[in-house]
Each structure stands twice: as C-alpha cells, then as structure tokens.
Amino acid sequence: MKNFTKEEIQYNKKLKKSMFEVLIENVDTFYIHCLDHPDLKIGERGLTDVEKKEGIVFVIGPYSYKDLSWDDNYISCEMNFAKWEKVFIPYESIFRFFDKAGHCLIQFLVIEIQEKKETKTSEEEKVIKIDFTKKQKEKL
C-alpha cells in the first residue's frame, strides 16, 4: 500500500468535495458509494457485515435526507434507516458518485488509513536462547 502525503490526501478530499457540490447543485438524485472507513458513521445502526465488505450506497435525493451540511472533511446529514440516523461521511470513504439517469459515474481512489496495531511480545520472544552445543563440540 502506498503511503500518501498530506498534500495528496488533501487533494483527494478537495476533489471529492468539489464533485459533491456540483452534484448537489445540479442533479435531483444521485448516489454516493462509500467503502468501510473508521470515521464513516451511521448513527446507532453502524454498518452491516456485507456493507463492511462491499460498501454502502447512500441515496441523495429530495426526500432522502434532512439537515444536510458539509465542510472540508465530512458530509453530514440525517438519513432514514427504519428511523432517522445521523450520518457522517468522510471524503476518504467515498469510492464513487453516480446519478440516477446513468449519465455520470465518477470513481475515485480511496485512501485507506492503516491502523497502527500494537504488537504484544510474548514472554518466549523476550528470552534470549544461547546454543552451547557448538562450543562443546569444539572442545572434543
């Protein structure tokens, strides 16, 4: 996996934000396909196991959301998943935008964040083993 610079990450986010703004201003209904990301939040519901593997598609249309807002890092709104849930979509999670009419499909690079995993060393790994067999053979 490539290590991205801060500038590349900012460019990726800015491009996705700009495309979102164009679509929200010009298209009645469009879709946002997001892949699993630690900052992608869907209220209490969260993501299903299938959505964690394949992603989730959000419908952005006249009646599909309320309290929509966005900034340089997130798109946020409330969406109905059997009940209204607060949704936070980080730009890093956005894989593609496409419109209902099928005229537009924009696919992006998704920058995966590698989580630092703490490695626990077992007691056995801390023990230094010395091989005395070689020295004994030399003495004989």
Protein backbone atom coordinates (compact mmCIF):
# COMPACT_ATOMS: atom_id res chain seq x y z
CA MET A 1 0.00 0.00 0.00
CA LYS A 2 1.27 3.44 -0.91
CA ASN A 3 1.95 5.97 1.82
CA PHE A 4 0.19 9.18 0.80
CA THR A 5 1.48 12.64 1.60
CA LYS A 6 -0.72 15.13 3.41
CA GLU A 7 -0.94 17.10 0.17
CA GLU A 8 -2.21 14.06 -1.76
CA ILE A 9 -4.81 13.33 0.91
CA GLN A 10 -5.97 16.96 0.91
CA TYR A 11 -6.18 16.96 -2.89
CA ASN A 12 -8.25 13.75 -2.83
CA LYS A 13 -10.66 15.23 -0.28
CA LYS A 14 -10.92 18.55 -2.12
CA LEU A 15 -11.72 16.84 -5.41
CA LYS A 16 -14.48 14.73 -3.83
CA LYS A 17 -15.93 17.74 -2.02
CA SER A 18 -15.98 19.75 -5.28
CA MET A 19 -17.73 16.93 -7.14
CA PHE A 20 -20.29 16.59 -4.34
CA GLU A 21 -21.03 20.33 -4.56
CA VAL A 22 -21.52 20.14 -8.33
CA LEU A 23 -23.91 17.21 -7.99
CA ILE A 24 -25.93 18.63 -5.09
CA GLU A 25 -26.45 21.87 -7.05
CA ASN A 26 -27.26 20.29 -10.44
CA VAL A 27 -28.73 16.80 -10.01
CA ASP A 28 -32.03 15.87 -8.33
CA THR A 29 -30.99 12.39 -7.26
CA PHE A 30 -27.53 10.85 -7.13
CA TYR A 31 -25.73 8.17 -5.21
CA ILE A 32 -22.60 8.05 -3.10
CA HIS A 33 -20.89 4.66 -2.84
CA CYS A 34 -18.72 4.58 0.30
CA LEU A 35 -16.33 1.91 1.48
CA ASP A 36 -15.77 1.00 5.11
CA HIS A 37 -13.74 3.60 6.98
CA PRO A 38 -13.18 4.15 10.71
CA ASP A 39 -14.83 7.60 10.53
CA LEU A 40 -17.87 6.54 8.44
CA LYS A 41 -20.75 6.70 10.92
CA ILE A 42 -24.40 5.77 10.59
CA GLY A 43 -25.91 6.65 13.96
CA GLU A 44 -26.60 3.70 16.21
CA ARG A 45 -27.08 1.40 13.23
CA GLY A 46 -23.48 1.23 12.03
CA LEU A 47 -22.53 -0.89 9.02
CA THR A 48 -23.69 -4.44 8.40
CA ASP A 49 -21.10 -7.16 7.71
CA VAL A 50 -21.91 -7.04 3.98
CA GLU A 51 -21.55 -3.24 3.95
CA LYS A 52 -18.18 -3.52 5.67
CA LYS A 53 -17.01 -5.77 2.81
CA GLU A 54 -18.73 -4.18 -0.19
CA GLY A 55 -19.52 -0.67 0.96
CA ILE A 56 -22.80 1.18 1.24
CA VAL A 57 -24.65 3.33 -1.30
CA PHE A 58 -26.33 6.46 0.03
CA VAL A 59 -29.19 7.99 -1.98
CA ILE A 60 -29.04 11.77 -2.10
CA GLY A 61 -32.42 12.94 -3.33
CA PRO A 62 -35.23 15.35 -2.48
CA TYR A 63 -36.68 13.24 0.35
CA SER A 64 -33.77 11.01 1.39
CA TYR A 65 -32.06 13.29 3.90
CA LYS A 66 -32.50 16.23 6.22
CA ASP A 67 -30.13 18.70 7.87
CA LEU A 68 -27.51 18.31 5.14
CA SER A 69 -24.19 20.08 5.67
CA TRP A 70 -20.59 19.62 4.60
CA ASP A 71 -17.16 21.01 5.29
CA ASP A 72 -13.61 20.20 4.22
CA ASN A 73 -13.65 16.78 5.93
CA TYR A 74 -17.19 15.37 6.05
CA ILE A 75 -20.63 15.31 4.58
CA SER A 76 -23.20 15.05 7.35
CA CYS A 77 -26.95 14.70 7.41
CA GLU A 78 -29.72 12.57 8.81
CA MET A 79 -30.99 9.64 6.75
CA ASN A 80 -33.79 7.19 7.33
CA PHE A 81 -32.80 3.57 8.07
CA ALA A 82 -36.13 2.50 9.60
CA LYS A 83 -35.53 5.53 11.82
CA TRP A 84 -33.62 8.78 11.28
CA GLU A 85 -29.92 8.29 11.91
CA LYS A 86 -27.11 10.87 11.95
CA VAL A 87 -24.71 10.08 9.09
CA PHE A 88 -21.09 11.25 8.82
CA ILE A 89 -19.37 10.53 5.51
CA PRO A 90 -15.66 11.31 5.45
CA TYR A 91 -14.45 12.15 1.96
CA GLU A 92 -11.77 9.47 2.31
CA SER A 93 -14.51 6.79 2.33
CA ILE A 94 -16.12 7.92 -0.95
CA PHE A 95 -15.43 5.46 -3.76
CA ARG A 96 -17.79 6.76 -6.44
CA PHE A 97 -20.63 9.11 -7.32
CA PHE A 98 -23.23 8.24 -9.90
CA ASP A 99 -26.53 9.75 -10.97
CA LYS A 100 -29.96 8.20 -11.27
CA ALA A 101 -30.18 8.78 -15.03
CA GLY A 102 -26.92 6.93 -15.69
CA HIS A 103 -25.21 9.91 -17.31
CA CYS A 104 -22.47 10.24 -14.75
CA LEU A 105 -20.17 7.79 -12.97
CA ILE A 106 -17.14 9.16 -11.20
CA GLN A 107 -14.83 6.73 -9.44
CA PHE A 108 -12.09 7.80 -7.06
CA LEU A 109 -9.07 6.43 -5.35
CA VAL A 110 -9.97 5.51 -1.78
CA ILE A 111 -7.17 6.25 0.62
CA GLU A 112 -7.09 3.57 3.25
CA ILE A 113 -5.90 4.50 6.68
CA GLN A 114 -3.66 1.90 8.18
CA GLU A 115 -4.40 1.48 11.82
CA LYS A 116 -1.36 1.04 13.97
CA LYS A 117 -1.54 -2.35 15.59
CA GLU A 118 0.20 -2.80 18.87
CA THR A 119 2.23 -5.94 18.80
CA LYS A 120 2.45 -7.73 22.06
CA THR A 121 5.55 -9.74 22.53
CA SER A 122 5.16 -12.97 24.34
CA GLU A 123 7.43 -13.89 27.21
CA GLU A 124 9.04 -16.52 24.99
CA GLU A 125 10.08 -13.86 22.46
CA LYS A 126 11.85 -11.89 25.20
CA VAL A 127 14.05 -14.85 26.22
CA ILE A 128 17.49 -14.97 24.66
CA LYS A 129 18.43 -18.53 23.79
CA ILE A 130 22.09 -19.50 23.68
CA ASP A 131 23.27 -22.54 21.79
CA PHE A 132 26.08 -24.14 23.80
CA THR A 133 26.25 -27.24 21.61
CA LYS A 134 28.73 -25.66 19.19
CA LYS A 135 31.26 -24.83 21.92
CA GLN A 136 31.01 -28.30 23.42
CA LYS A 137 31.72 -29.90 20.05
CA GLU A 138 34.82 -27.73 19.56
CA LYS A 139 36.28 -28.87 22.92
CA LEU A 140 36.04 -32.52 21.98
